[in-house]
Amino acid sequence: MKRNIDEKLINWKQNKNRKVLLLRGARQVGKTYSVRKLGRRFTHFLEVNFEEDPEIISFFEHSLSPEEICNKLYAYFDIPIIDGKTLLFLDEIQACPKALKALRFFYEKKKELHVVAAGSLLEFSLGEIPSFGVGRISSLYMYPMNFLEFITAIHGNGLHSLLVEHNASKCIDSALHNKLLNSLLTYLLIGGLPDVVESYRTEKDLHNCMKILDDLLITIKDDFAKYRNKVPIRILNDTLDSIARQTGNKFKYSEIAENEPYHIIKPALNLLNMAGLAHIIYHTSSNGLPLGSGTNHKKFKVILFDTGIYQRIMGTKLKDFIPKNLSDLINRGNLVELFVGLELLSSQELFIKNQLYYWHREARSSNAEVDYVIQKGERIVPVEVKSGKKGSMQSMFKFIDEKKSEYGIRLSQENFSRYKDIRSFPAYYASLLFKDF
């Protein structure tokens, strides 16, 4: 299946000034698959997995010299490691902290060799390494497949090209619009984890997709045992489940475990965020750019990293989810808000860790909230998510008036349209909001 990150990896391969590449993201988002796909473009490909082959860790114990390490790897795997011809892939590198330390030396002393490292919860591991490879290592952040990647995998390039090339000032043909809405409904249910999407692509069996998601969720929670010395496993489980329940609302620690102290619960949320399993959406005053300058870190929402995992945690049953008509989506506003947040994250620059923002004004006579606030060029643009065809836009108009915004964006199941200062797009267009229109 084609991923947006494929082109980024190819450009990195061809860049003469490339650095060692660190691929970051949650488990099961497709990091290993994408690097293996890149490996086909090299004469030789050597994959080292520190969890599958823990004995390899000893190669990094006594020396961090790239030449010595490569000689040992060549002797062990019998795969040539040749500058410019070999891709060296160090997977699950968080299991070998000294391998993380060694990355900077590959850039300094063996720059012509293509080296990619990947792992989960890397931020946690990197935090324990002083002065880690600043200026010598590039990070590339990876997410589950977004909706454009999903429809390409399921339907081919036609719908993808239609959306990317569509003039946002015009309606899309109703038959195509309904087809995209139905595809969105499927995506909301199964999410974008590659194993699940591949299963649906080949078998079209939603029940099997649910089984795969359940297995993936078990794997994710089993991973929590690795961090029991930092946060109790039970608290991590409870926090993950609570994030799903609190989707769309201001996050409250008290909703996780009422009798647990704050200093135990907060690290659990931070760990899930570092692992890429959750994303924090901070309140911003939106008074100027950058949006982060107006952040209130005490006021935030949290979303999970995948809609399919969200559905399994919430215990969604197929018979209850598949609606008799598309207007039933109106009752699933939190789910569509989650979807839009993930689309906004994955459609921005992937070489930095992106941050989402929302706006909320609490006043006795004038309470207002905008789901997302984004930056388009030098403009601050409010984004409201409406799961159905109707819904008040009072908060949007208050934001536009108060912040003197040029326009606002409304995402719903409606076709492309415009009303006063509001530009209305179908929800499936969310990943393209950063385009010029």
Protein backbone atom coordinates (compact mmCIF):
# COMPACT_ATOMS: atom_id res chain seq x y z
CA MET A 1 0.00 0.00 0.00
CA LYS A 2 1.23 3.46 -0.90
CA ARG A 3 2.03 5.79 2.00
CA ASN A 4 2.62 9.53 1.93
CA ILE A 5 5.83 8.98 3.85
CA ASP A 6 7.29 6.91 0.98
CA GLU A 7 8.17 10.05 -0.97
CA LYS A 8 9.81 11.59 2.11
CA LEU A 9 12.00 8.50 2.49
CA ILE A 10 12.99 8.50 -1.18
CA ASN A 11 13.95 12.18 -0.98
CA TRP A 12 16.03 11.43 2.11
CA LYS A 13 17.82 8.61 0.25
CA GLN A 14 18.72 10.93 -2.61
CA ASN A 15 19.79 13.89 -0.47
CA LYS A 16 23.58 14.20 -0.44
CA ASN A 17 23.39 16.23 2.77
CA ARG A 18 21.16 13.75 4.57
CA LYS A 19 21.52 12.99 8.25
CA VAL A 20 20.85 9.76 10.09
CA LEU A 21 17.07 9.34 10.05
CA LEU A 22 15.04 8.55 13.16
CA LEU A 23 11.52 7.34 12.35
CA ARG A 24 9.09 8.01 15.21
CA GLY A 25 5.52 6.97 15.85
CA ALA A 26 3.29 4.58 17.75
CA ARG A 27 3.48 0.83 17.29
CA GLN A 28 1.71 -0.68 14.28
CA VAL A 29 1.57 2.52 12.21
CA GLY A 30 3.76 0.96 9.50
CA LYS A 31 7.28 2.20 10.26
CA THR A 32 8.98 -1.14 9.61
CA TYR A 33 7.00 -1.80 6.42
CA SER A 34 7.89 1.60 4.98
CA VAL A 35 11.61 1.18 5.68
CA ARG A 36 11.61 -2.32 4.17
CA LYS A 37 9.94 -0.86 1.09
CA LEU A 38 12.69 1.76 0.90
CA GLY A 39 15.24 -1.04 1.29
CA ARG A 40 14.23 -2.43 -2.10
CA ARG A 41 15.89 0.60 -3.68
CA PHE A 42 19.29 -0.42 -2.32
CA THR A 43 21.70 -3.14 -3.42
CA HIS A 44 21.79 -4.44 0.16
CA PHE A 45 19.37 -4.09 3.07
CA LEU A 46 20.27 -5.02 6.64
CA GLU A 47 17.54 -4.98 9.27
CA VAL A 48 18.53 -5.23 12.93
CA ASN A 49 15.70 -5.64 15.45
CA PHE A 50 16.94 -5.20 19.00
CA GLU A 51 13.86 -6.84 20.50
CA GLU A 52 13.98 -9.92 18.26
CA ASP A 53 17.79 -10.23 18.46
CA PRO A 54 18.74 -8.86 21.91
CA GLU A 55 22.20 -10.45 21.66
CA ILE A 56 23.06 -7.77 19.07
CA ILE A 57 23.01 -5.24 21.91
CA SER A 58 26.46 -6.49 22.94
CA PHE A 59 27.89 -5.06 19.70
CA PHE A 60 27.33 -1.59 21.15
CA GLU A 61 28.67 -2.27 24.64
CA HIS A 62 32.39 -1.59 24.28
CA SER A 63 32.70 0.79 21.33
CA LEU A 64 30.45 3.16 19.44
CA SER A 65 32.78 3.30 16.45
CA PRO A 66 30.63 2.89 13.28
CA GLU A 67 33.36 0.87 11.57
CA GLU A 68 33.64 -1.60 14.42
CA ILE A 69 29.87 -1.92 14.73
CA CYS A 70 29.45 -2.48 10.98
CA ASN A 71 32.18 -5.12 10.96
CA LYS A 72 30.41 -7.05 13.71
CA LEU A 73 27.02 -6.74 11.99
CA TYR A 74 28.51 -7.96 8.70
CA ALA A 75 30.06 -10.96 10.44
CA TYR A 76 26.78 -11.80 12.19
CA PHE A 77 24.32 -11.33 9.29
CA ASP A 78 26.64 -11.87 6.31
CA ILE A 79 25.12 -8.86 4.54
CA PRO A 80 27.60 -6.35 3.07
CA ILE A 81 27.49 -2.86 4.58
CA ILE A 82 28.71 -0.60 1.80
CA ASP A 83 28.49 3.19 1.74
CA GLY A 84 25.87 4.34 -0.76
CA LYS A 85 24.68 0.79 -1.52
CA THR A 86 23.42 -0.54 1.82
CA LEU A 87 20.49 0.63 3.94
CA LEU A 88 21.17 -0.15 7.60
CA PHE A 89 17.90 -0.29 9.55
CA LEU A 90 18.06 -0.33 13.35
CA ASP A 91 14.54 -1.25 14.49
CA GLU A 92 13.13 -1.11 18.04
CA ILE A 93 16.21 0.92 18.89
CA GLN A 94 14.74 2.04 22.21
CA ALA A 95 15.75 -1.43 23.49
CA CYS A 96 19.42 -0.48 23.01
CA PRO A 97 20.16 3.01 24.41
CA LYS A 98 23.82 2.78 23.36
CA ALA A 99 22.72 2.25 19.76
CA LEU A 100 20.81 5.52 20.07
CA LYS A 101 24.03 7.17 21.28
CA ALA A 102 25.91 5.66 18.34
CA LEU A 103 23.69 7.33 15.72
CA ARG A 104 25.52 10.65 15.98
CA PHE A 105 28.82 8.91 15.20
CA PHE A 106 27.39 7.32 12.06
CA TYR A 107 26.69 10.85 10.83
CA GLU A 108 30.12 12.16 11.87
CA LYS A 109 32.33 9.24 10.80
CA LYS A 110 30.35 7.23 8.22
CA LYS A 111 28.21 9.86 6.56
CA GLU A 112 27.91 8.08 3.20
CA LEU A 113 26.12 5.11 4.77
CA HIS A 114 22.31 5.30 4.78
CA VAL A 115 21.13 4.68 8.34
CA VAL A 116 17.52 4.62 9.54
CA ALA A 117 16.47 3.92 13.10
CA ALA A 118 12.93 3.38 14.39
CA GLY A 119 11.17 2.50 17.59
CA SER A 120 8.28 3.23 19.91
CA LEU A 121 8.37 5.53 22.94
CA LEU A 122 11.60 7.03 21.62
CA GLU A 123 11.00 10.35 23.36
CA PHE A 124 11.18 8.56 26.68
CA SER A 125 14.47 6.88 25.76
CA LEU A 126 15.97 10.03 24.26
CA GLY A 127 15.21 11.96 27.42
CA GLU A 128 17.68 9.77 29.26
CA ILE A 129 20.52 10.51 26.80
CA PRO A 130 22.28 13.85 27.43
CA SER A 131 23.10 15.98 24.36
CA PHE A 132 21.61 13.49 21.92
CA GLY A 133 22.80 14.02 18.32
CA VAL A 134 21.62 17.62 17.91
CA GLY A 135 22.18 18.70 14.31
CA ARG A 136 23.25 15.22 13.27
CA ILE A 137 19.95 13.36 13.25
CA SER A 138 16.66 14.07 11.45
CA SER A 139 13.36 12.90 12.89
CA LEU A 140 10.42 11.85 10.73
CA TYR A 141 7.07 11.37 12.45
CA MET A 142 4.69 8.70 11.24
CA TYR A 143 0.96 8.29 11.85
CA PRO A 144 -1.66 5.72 10.87
CA MET A 145 -2.91 5.93 7.29
CA ASN A 146 -5.02 9.03 6.81
CA PHE A 147 -8.22 9.10 4.78
CA LEU A 148 -6.52 9.93 1.47
CA GLU A 149 -4.14 7.00 1.92
CA PHE A 150 -7.10 4.81 2.87
CA ILE A 151 -9.18 5.56 -0.23
CA THR A 152 -6.12 5.05 -2.43
CA ALA A 153 -5.59 1.62 -0.88
CA ILE A 154 -9.26 0.66 -1.21
CA HIS A 155 -10.38 2.38 -4.41
CA GLY A 156 -7.19 3.17 -6.32
CA ASN A 157 -5.96 6.57 -7.45
CA GLY A 158 -9.19 7.95 -8.91
CA LEU A 159 -10.88 9.31 -5.78
CA HIS A 160 -7.52 10.45 -4.39
CA SER A 161 -6.78 12.50 -7.51
CA LEU A 162 -10.32 13.86 -7.55
CA LEU A 163 -9.98 15.26 -4.03
CA VAL A 164 -6.44 16.58 -4.36
CA GLU A 165 -7.24 18.36 -7.63
CA HIS A 166 -10.76 19.51 -6.70
CA ASN A 167 -11.58 23.21 -6.77
CA ALA A 168 -12.87 23.81 -3.25
CA SER A 169 -15.17 26.59 -4.44
CA LYS A 170 -17.36 24.11 -6.32
CA CYS A 171 -19.61 21.24 -5.28
CA ILE A 172 -18.45 17.73 -6.03
CA ASP A 173 -20.76 15.39 -7.99
CA SER A 174 -23.37 13.96 -5.60
CA ALA A 175 -22.64 10.33 -6.52
CA LEU A 176 -18.94 10.82 -5.81
CA HIS A 177 -19.74 12.78 -2.66
CA ASN A 178 -21.88 9.92 -1.31
CA LYS A 179 -19.22 7.38 -2.21
CA LEU A 180 -16.63 9.36 -0.25
CA LEU A 181 -18.98 9.71 2.72
CA ASN A 182 -19.57 5.95 2.76
CA SER A 183 -15.82 5.35 2.58
CA LEU A 184 -15.36 7.81 5.44
CA LEU A 185 -17.89 5.86 7.49
CA THR A 186 -15.85 2.68 7.00
CA TYR A 187 -12.63 4.51 7.86
CA LEU A 188 -14.15 5.91 11.06
CA LEU A 189 -14.95 2.36 12.10
CA ILE A 190 -11.71 0.53 11.25
CA GLY A 191 -9.17 3.36 11.38
CA GLY A 192 -5.87 3.63 9.55
CA LEU A 193 -3.56 1.00 11.05
CA PRO A 194 -2.03 -0.73 8.01
CA ASP A 195 -2.74 -4.32 9.09
CA VAL A 196 -6.43 -3.49 9.45
CA VAL A 197 -6.64 -1.54 6.19
CA GLU A 198 -4.88 -4.35 4.31
CA SER A 199 -7.34 -6.88 5.72
CA TYR A 200 -10.29 -4.77 4.63
CA ARG A 201 -8.75 -4.16 1.21
CA THR A 202 -8.33 -7.86 0.48
CA GLU A 203 -11.32 -9.38 2.29
CA LYS A 204 -13.89 -6.59 2.89
CA ASP A 205 -14.71 -8.35 6.18
CA LEU A 206 -15.48 -5.83 8.92
CA HIS A 207 -15.76 -8.54 11.58
CA ASN A 208 -12.22 -9.65 10.85
CA CYS A 209 -11.05 -6.05 11.03
CA MET A 210 -12.54 -5.83 14.50
CA LYS A 211 -10.64 -8.96 15.55
CA ILE A 212 -7.37 -7.53 14.26
CA LEU A 213 -8.02 -4.29 16.12
CA ASP A 214 -8.70 -6.21 19.33
CA ASP A 215 -5.41 -8.06 18.92
CA LEU A 216 -3.55 -4.81 18.28
CA LEU A 217 -5.11 -3.21 21.33
CA ILE A 218 -3.99 -6.17 23.46
CA THR A 219 -0.47 -5.81 22.06
CA ILE A 220 -0.43 -2.10 22.86
CA LYS A 221 -1.54 -2.73 26.44
CA ASP A 222 0.89 -5.63 26.85
CA ASP A 223 3.64 -3.13 26.03
CA PHE A 224 2.75 -1.19 29.16
CA ALA A 225 4.55 -3.86 31.21
CA LYS A 226 7.85 -2.44 29.94
CA TYR A 227 7.20 0.80 31.80
CA ARG A 228 5.84 -0.54 35.07
CA ASN A 229 8.79 0.98 36.93
CA LYS A 230 7.70 4.44 35.72
CA VAL A 231 3.89 4.22 35.86
CA PRO A 232 1.64 1.44 37.23
CA ILE A 233 0.20 -0.67 34.39
CA ARG A 234 -3.32 -0.27 35.74
CA ILE A 235 -3.03 3.52 35.58
CA LEU A 236 -1.81 3.37 31.97
CA ASN A 237 -4.75 1.16 31.02
CA ASP A 238 -7.22 3.42 32.81
CA THR A 239 -5.73 6.53 31.21
CA LEU A 240 -5.91 5.08 27.70
CA ASP A 241 -9.56 4.14 28.22
CA SER A 242 -10.38 7.51 29.77
CA ILE A 243 -8.91 9.38 26.80
CA ALA A 244 -11.43 7.59 24.58
CA ARG A 245 -14.33 8.43 26.91
CA GLN A 246 -13.32 12.09 27.20
CA THR A 247 -12.85 12.66 23.46
CA GLY A 248 -14.19 16.07 22.45
CA ASN A 249 -14.19 17.43 25.99
CA LYS A 250 -11.74 19.25 28.22
CA PHE A 251 -9.57 16.55 29.77
CA LYS A 252 -10.02 15.90 33.50
CA TYR A 253 -7.58 13.78 35.48
CA SER A 254 -10.33 13.05 37.98
CA GLU A 255 -12.18 11.07 35.29
CA ILE A 256 -9.33 8.53 35.14
CA ALA A 257 -9.18 7.35 38.73
CA GLU A 258 -10.95 9.41 41.34
CA ASN A 259 -8.84 8.29 44.28
CA GLU A 260 -5.43 8.25 42.63
CA PRO A 261 -3.04 11.16 43.29
CA TYR A 262 -2.26 13.61 40.50
CA HIS A 263 1.48 12.89 40.55
CA ILE A 264 0.78 9.27 39.51
CA ILE A 265 -1.85 9.97 36.87
CA LYS A 266 -0.11 12.84 35.03
CA PRO A 267 2.99 10.75 34.09
CA ALA A 268 0.67 8.15 32.54
CA LEU A 269 -0.79 10.73 30.16
CA ASN A 270 2.67 12.08 29.36
CA LEU A 271 3.94 8.59 28.58
CA LEU A 272 1.03 7.83 26.22
CA ASN A 273 1.62 11.16 24.50
CA MET A 274 5.35 10.43 24.11
CA ALA A 275 4.53 6.98 22.74
CA GLY A 276 2.35 8.53 20.03
CA LEU A 277 -0.72 6.71 21.36
CA ALA A 278 -2.39 9.97 22.31
CA HIS A 279 -2.19 13.59 21.19
CA ILE A 280 -2.76 16.60 23.44
CA ILE A 281 -4.74 19.55 22.06
CA TYR A 282 -3.92 22.72 23.99
CA HIS A 283 -6.11 25.75 24.39
CA THR A 284 -4.70 28.81 22.64
CA SER A 285 -5.76 32.42 23.08
CA SER A 286 -5.34 32.82 19.29
CA ASN A 287 -4.25 36.41 19.76
CA GLY A 288 -1.30 36.07 17.39
CA LEU A 289 1.25 33.82 15.74
CA PRO A 290 2.66 31.40 16.52
CA LEU A 291 -0.41 29.80 18.06
CA GLY A 292 1.77 28.17 20.72
CA SER A 293 2.61 31.57 22.19
CA GLY A 294 -0.92 31.77 23.54
CA THR A 295 -1.05 28.26 24.98
CA ASN A 296 -2.67 27.50 28.31
CA HIS A 297 -1.10 24.19 29.36
CA LYS A 298 -3.66 23.72 32.12
CA LYS A 299 -6.53 23.57 29.66
CA PHE A 300 -6.41 20.83 27.06
CA LYS A 301 -8.19 17.98 25.29
CA VAL A 302 -6.69 14.60 24.38
CA ILE A 303 -7.38 12.32 21.42
CA LEU A 304 -6.28 8.76 20.67
CA PHE A 305 -4.01 8.03 17.71
CA ASP A 306 -6.50 5.99 15.67
CA THR A 307 -10.27 5.92 15.20
CA GLY A 308 -10.35 2.11 14.99
CA ILE A 309 -8.63 1.72 18.37
CA TYR A 310 -11.02 4.33 19.75
CA GLN A 311 -13.99 2.26 18.56
CA ARG A 312 -12.68 -0.92 20.20
CA ILE A 313 -12.04 0.80 23.52
CA MET A 314 -15.54 2.25 23.40
CA GLY A 315 -16.94 -1.22 22.69
CA THR A 316 -18.65 -0.26 19.42
CA LYS A 317 -20.70 -3.08 17.89
CA LEU A 318 -21.03 -3.32 14.12
CA LYS A 319 -24.81 -3.49 14.18
CA ASP A 320 -24.95 -0.29 16.21
CA PHE A 321 -22.38 1.58 14.14
CA ILE A 322 -23.45 1.01 10.55
CA PRO A 323 -26.26 3.56 10.13
CA LYS A 324 -29.38 3.19 8.07
CA ASN A 325 -28.61 6.58 6.54
CA LEU A 326 -25.71 9.00 6.67
CA SER A 327 -27.56 11.51 8.82
CA ASP A 328 -27.05 9.15 11.76
CA LEU A 329 -23.51 10.51 11.89
CA ILE A 330 -24.96 13.54 13.65
CA ASN A 331 -24.85 11.55 16.90
CA ARG A 332 -21.15 10.82 16.54
CA GLY A 333 -19.71 14.31 16.79
CA ASN A 334 -16.86 13.32 19.11
CA LEU A 335 -15.73 10.62 16.68
CA VAL A 336 -15.68 13.00 13.72
CA GLU A 337 -13.81 15.56 15.83
CA LEU A 338 -11.22 12.89 16.63
CA PHE A 339 -10.93 12.04 12.93
CA VAL A 340 -10.38 15.67 11.93
CA GLY A 341 -7.67 16.12 14.55
CA LEU A 342 -5.75 13.11 13.26
CA GLU A 343 -6.12 14.33 9.67
CA LEU A 344 -4.72 17.75 10.61
CA LEU A 345 -1.73 16.15 12.35
CA SER A 346 -0.81 13.79 9.53
CA SER A 347 -1.19 16.38 6.76
CA GLN A 348 1.35 18.85 8.13
CA GLU A 349 5.15 18.78 7.94
CA LEU A 350 6.34 15.34 9.12
CA PHE A 351 9.90 16.32 10.04
CA ILE A 352 8.68 18.07 13.19
CA LYS A 353 6.33 17.02 15.98
CA ASN A 354 3.09 18.81 15.19
CA GLN A 355 0.83 20.33 17.81
CA LEU A 356 -2.94 20.79 17.71
CA TYR A 357 -4.82 23.71 19.28
CA TYR A 358 -8.41 24.64 20.14
CA TRP A 359 -10.06 27.79 21.48
CA HIS A 360 -12.42 28.05 24.43
CA ARG A 361 -13.87 31.09 26.13
CA GLU A 362 -15.62 30.54 29.43
CA ALA A 363 -17.85 33.44 30.38
CA ARG A 364 -21.08 33.57 32.35
CA SER A 365 -23.04 35.10 29.49
CA SER A 366 -20.91 34.16 26.49
CA ASN A 367 -19.45 30.66 26.53
CA ALA A 368 -17.86 29.63 23.22
CA GLU A 369 -15.59 26.91 21.84
CA VAL A 370 -13.97 26.22 18.48
CA ASP A 371 -12.82 22.64 17.89
CA TYR A 372 -9.50 23.46 16.19
CA VAL A 373 -7.48 26.53 15.37
CA ILE A 374 -4.93 26.26 12.56
CA GLN A 375 -2.38 28.49 10.90
CA LYS A 376 -2.64 28.98 7.14
CA GLY A 377 0.23 31.18 6.01
CA GLU A 378 -0.02 34.26 8.20
CA ARG A 379 -3.71 33.69 8.96
CA ILE A 380 -5.32 32.21 12.06
CA VAL A 381 -8.27 30.08 10.93
CA PRO A 382 -10.91 28.52 13.21
CA VAL A 383 -12.20 25.05 12.29
CA GLU A 384 -15.53 23.69 13.51
CA VAL A 385 -16.55 20.04 13.17
CA LYS A 386 -20.23 19.17 12.70
CA SER A 387 -21.00 15.48 12.26
CA GLY A 388 -24.39 16.10 10.68
CA LYS A 389 -25.79 18.65 8.22
CA LYS A 390 -27.03 21.10 10.81
CA GLY A 391 -25.53 22.83 13.79
CA SER A 392 -25.14 26.26 15.28
CA MET A 393 -22.07 28.24 14.27
CA GLN A 394 -22.33 30.84 17.03
CA SER A 395 -18.92 30.01 18.50
CA MET A 396 -17.34 30.32 15.08
CA PHE A 397 -18.90 33.73 14.46
CA LYS A 398 -17.80 34.92 17.92
CA PHE A 399 -14.24 33.82 17.19
CA ILE A 400 -14.19 35.52 13.78
CA ASP A 401 -15.56 38.74 15.25
CA GLU A 402 -13.30 38.78 18.30
CA LYS A 403 -10.07 37.71 16.56
CA LYS A 404 -10.79 39.57 13.28
CA SER A 405 -10.29 36.36 11.29
CA GLU A 406 -10.73 36.53 7.53
CA TYR A 407 -12.87 33.37 7.47
CA GLY A 408 -13.71 30.16 9.30
CA ILE A 409 -13.91 26.55 8.15
CA ARG A 410 -16.83 24.23 8.80
CA LEU A 411 -16.42 20.48 8.30
CA SER A 412 -19.50 18.29 8.07
CA GLN A 413 -21.14 15.75 5.77
CA GLU A 414 -22.37 18.56 3.51
CA ASN A 415 -20.95 19.18 0.06
CA PHE A 416 -18.66 22.13 -0.65
CA SER A 417 -20.44 25.45 -0.04
CA ARG A 418 -20.01 28.91 1.44
CA TYR A 419 -22.05 31.00 3.88
CA LYS A 420 -20.94 34.54 4.74
CA ASP A 421 -17.45 34.19 6.28
CA ILE A 422 -17.76 30.41 6.64
CA ARG A 423 -16.26 28.03 4.09
CA SER A 424 -17.98 24.68 4.39
CA PHE A 425 -16.20 21.50 3.30
CA PRO A 426 -17.01 17.79 3.62
CA ALA A 427 -15.26 16.16 6.59
CA TYR A 428 -13.37 13.87 4.22
CA TYR A 429 -11.52 16.98 2.94
CA ALA A 430 -9.88 17.62 6.34
CA SER A 431 -6.35 16.57 5.35
CA LEU A 432 -6.38 19.15 2.55
CA LEU A 433 -7.25 22.19 4.68
CA PHE A 434 -3.68 23.48 4.49
CA LYS A 435 -3.97 23.83 0.71
CA ASP A 436 -4.42 27.26 -0.81
CA PHE A 437 -8.07 27.93 -1.63
